[in-house]
């Protein structure tokens, strides 16, 4: 009986250890302009389960850089500011 319990415990431990966590990249974009209230938008994108935490962090950093670059085209003056911040969840 003890051997069966030990075997069941070991097998269940292997299954729990092999489960991969679902990572996602959450980005928060804040638009602000002098004289107006700031406006914040949040978005979350799921990342493939095969991606490691380190790779996921790099993907979020790249997404932050790309979104910042894309939003720079919409700034029409020095009083406007767009801030993007992405993090792995």
C-alpha atoms as a PDB file:
ATOM      1  CA  UNK A   1       0.000   0.000   0.000  1.00  0.00           C
ATOM      2  CA  UNK A   2       2.824   2.398   0.852  1.00  0.00           C
ATOM      3  CA  UNK A   3       4.486   1.699  -2.495  1.00  0.00           C
ATOM      4  CA  UNK A   4       1.273   2.513  -4.363  1.00  0.00           C
ATOM      5  CA  UNK A   5       0.840   5.795  -2.513  1.00  0.00           C
ATOM      6  CA  UNK A   6       4.459   6.719  -3.108  1.00  0.00           C
ATOM      7  CA  UNK A   7       4.146   5.867  -6.818  1.00  0.00           C
ATOM      8  CA  UNK A   8       0.919   7.893  -7.144  1.00  0.00           C
ATOM      9  CA  UNK A   9       2.565  10.840  -5.378  1.00  0.00           C
ATOM     10  CA  UNK A  10       5.597  10.717  -7.702  1.00  0.00           C
ATOM     11  CA  UNK A  11       3.462  10.518 -10.848  1.00  0.00           C
ATOM     12  CA  UNK A  12       1.255  13.416  -9.767  1.00  0.00           C
ATOM     13  CA  UNK A  13       4.383  15.451  -8.984  1.00  0.00           C
ATOM     14  CA  UNK A  14       5.699  14.876 -12.492  1.00  0.00           C
ATOM     15  CA  UNK A  15       2.439  16.042 -14.035  1.00  0.00           C
ATOM     16  CA  UNK A  16       2.410  19.205 -11.941  1.00  0.00           C
ATOM     17  CA  UNK A  17       6.038  19.959 -12.725  1.00  0.00           C
ATOM     18  CA  UNK A  18       5.539  19.531 -16.455  1.00  0.00           C
ATOM     19  CA  UNK A  19       2.606  21.969 -16.683  1.00  0.00           C
ATOM     20  CA  UNK A  20       3.603  25.138 -18.482  1.00  0.00           C
ATOM     21  CA  UNK A  21       2.282  28.470 -17.327  1.00  0.00           C
ATOM     22  CA  UNK A  22       0.286  30.573 -19.772  1.00  0.00           C
ATOM     23  CA  UNK A  23       2.090  33.906 -20.052  1.00  0.00           C
ATOM     24  CA  UNK A  24       0.589  37.108 -21.361  1.00  0.00           C
ATOM     25  CA  UNK A  25       1.922  40.537 -22.169  1.00  0.00           C
ATOM     26  CA  UNK A  26      -0.051  43.414 -20.668  1.00  0.00           C
ATOM     27  CA  UNK A  27       0.535  46.854 -22.145  1.00  0.00           C
ATOM     28  CA  UNK A  28      -0.747  50.147 -20.734  1.00  0.00           C
ATOM     29  CA  UNK A  29      -0.747  53.191 -23.017  1.00  0.00           C
ATOM     30  CA  UNK A  30      -1.331  56.680 -21.610  1.00  0.00           C
ATOM     31  CA  UNK A  31      -2.134  59.649 -23.834  1.00  0.00           C
ATOM     32  CA  UNK A  32      -1.749  63.109 -22.312  1.00  0.00           C
ATOM     33  CA  UNK A  33      -1.953  66.659 -23.604  1.00  0.00           C
ATOM     34  CA  UNK A  34      -1.530  69.930 -21.777  1.00  0.00           C
ATOM     35  CA  UNK A  35      -4.926  71.255 -20.689  1.00  0.00           C
ATOM     36  CA  UNK A  36      -6.711  67.910 -21.065  1.00  0.00           C
ATOM     37  CA  UNK A  37      -7.232  64.872 -18.843  1.00  0.00           C
ATOM     38  CA  UNK A  38      -4.978  61.916 -19.627  1.00  0.00           C
ATOM     39  CA  UNK A  39      -6.487  58.846 -21.258  1.00  0.00           C
ATOM     40  CA  UNK A  40      -5.263  55.319 -20.502  1.00  0.00           C
ATOM     41  CA  UNK A  41      -5.789  52.166 -22.562  1.00  0.00           C
ATOM     42  CA  UNK A  42      -4.804  48.682 -21.416  1.00  0.00           C
ATOM     43  CA  UNK A  43      -4.432  45.621 -23.616  1.00  0.00           C
ATOM     44  CA  UNK A  44      -3.427  42.024 -22.935  1.00  0.00           C
ATOM     45  CA  UNK A  45      -2.056  39.554 -25.473  1.00  0.00           C
ATOM     46  CA  UNK A  46      -1.612  35.863 -24.674  1.00  0.00           C
ATOM     47  CA  UNK A  47       1.763  34.311 -25.453  1.00  0.00           C
ATOM     48  CA  UNK A  48       2.270  30.737 -26.667  1.00  0.00           C
ATOM     49  CA  UNK A  49       2.698  28.182 -23.867  1.00  0.00           C
ATOM     50  CA  UNK A  50       6.003  26.995 -25.368  1.00  0.00           C
ATOM     51  CA  UNK A  51       7.675  30.332 -24.562  1.00  0.00           C
ATOM     52  CA  UNK A  52       9.896  30.608 -21.502  1.00  0.00           C
ATOM     53  CA  UNK A  53       9.549  33.450 -19.018  1.00  0.00           C
ATOM     54  CA  UNK A  54      12.758  35.098 -20.241  1.00  0.00           C
ATOM     55  CA  UNK A  55      11.641  34.979 -23.878  1.00  0.00           C
ATOM     56  CA  UNK A  56       8.222  36.305 -22.877  1.00  0.00           C
ATOM     57  CA  UNK A  57       9.846  39.269 -21.134  1.00  0.00           C
ATOM     58  CA  UNK A  58      11.868  40.001 -24.273  1.00  0.00           C
ATOM     59  CA  UNK A  59       8.691  39.807 -26.373  1.00  0.00           C
ATOM     60  CA  UNK A  60       6.949  42.300 -24.069  1.00  0.00           C
ATOM     61  CA  UNK A  61       9.923  44.664 -24.243  1.00  0.00           C
ATOM     62  CA  UNK A  62       9.878  44.475 -28.038  1.00  0.00           C
ATOM     63  CA  UNK A  63       6.116  45.119 -28.079  1.00  0.00           C
ATOM     64  CA  UNK A  64       6.640  48.183 -25.866  1.00  0.00           C
ATOM     65  CA  UNK A  65       9.312  49.564 -28.203  1.00  0.00           C
ATOM     66  CA  UNK A  66       7.206  48.939 -31.304  1.00  0.00           C
ATOM     67  CA  UNK A  67       4.044  50.473 -29.818  1.00  0.00           C
ATOM     68  CA  UNK A  68       6.005  53.547 -28.686  1.00  0.00           C
ATOM     69  CA  UNK A  69       7.437  53.959 -32.177  1.00  0.00           C
ATOM     70  CA  UNK A  70       4.013  53.508 -33.801  1.00  0.00           C
ATOM     71  CA  UNK A  71       2.390  56.110 -31.543  1.00  0.00           C
ATOM     72  CA  UNK A  72       5.066  58.730 -32.238  1.00  0.00           C
ATOM     73  CA  UNK A  73       3.459  59.272 -35.666  1.00  0.00           C
ATOM     74  CA  UNK A  74       0.288  60.564 -33.968  1.00  0.00           C
ATOM     75  CA  UNK A  75       1.932  63.240 -31.820  1.00  0.00           C
ATOM     76  CA  UNK A  76       1.136  66.602 -33.351  1.00  0.00           C
ATOM     77  CA  UNK A  77       2.927  68.939 -30.961  1.00  0.00           C
ATOM     78  CA  UNK A  78       5.228  69.314 -27.967  1.00  0.00           C
ATOM     79  CA  UNK A  79       2.262  69.423 -25.534  1.00  0.00           C
ATOM     80  CA  UNK A  80       1.257  65.832 -26.374  1.00  0.00           C
ATOM     81  CA  UNK A  81       2.855  62.831 -24.717  1.00  0.00           C
ATOM     82  CA  UNK A  82       2.303  59.088 -25.186  1.00  0.00           C
ATOM     83  CA  UNK A  83       3.699  56.604 -22.674  1.00  0.00           C
ATOM     84  CA  UNK A  84       3.689  52.818 -23.234  1.00  0.00           C
ATOM     85  CA  UNK A  85       4.555  50.290 -20.551  1.00  0.00           C
ATOM     86  CA  UNK A  86       4.421  46.505 -21.114  1.00  0.00           C
ATOM     87  CA  UNK A  87       4.980  43.728 -18.585  1.00  0.00           C
ATOM     88  CA  UNK A  88       4.792  39.948 -18.504  1.00  0.00           C
ATOM     89  CA  UNK A  89       1.889  38.526 -16.510  1.00  0.00           C
END
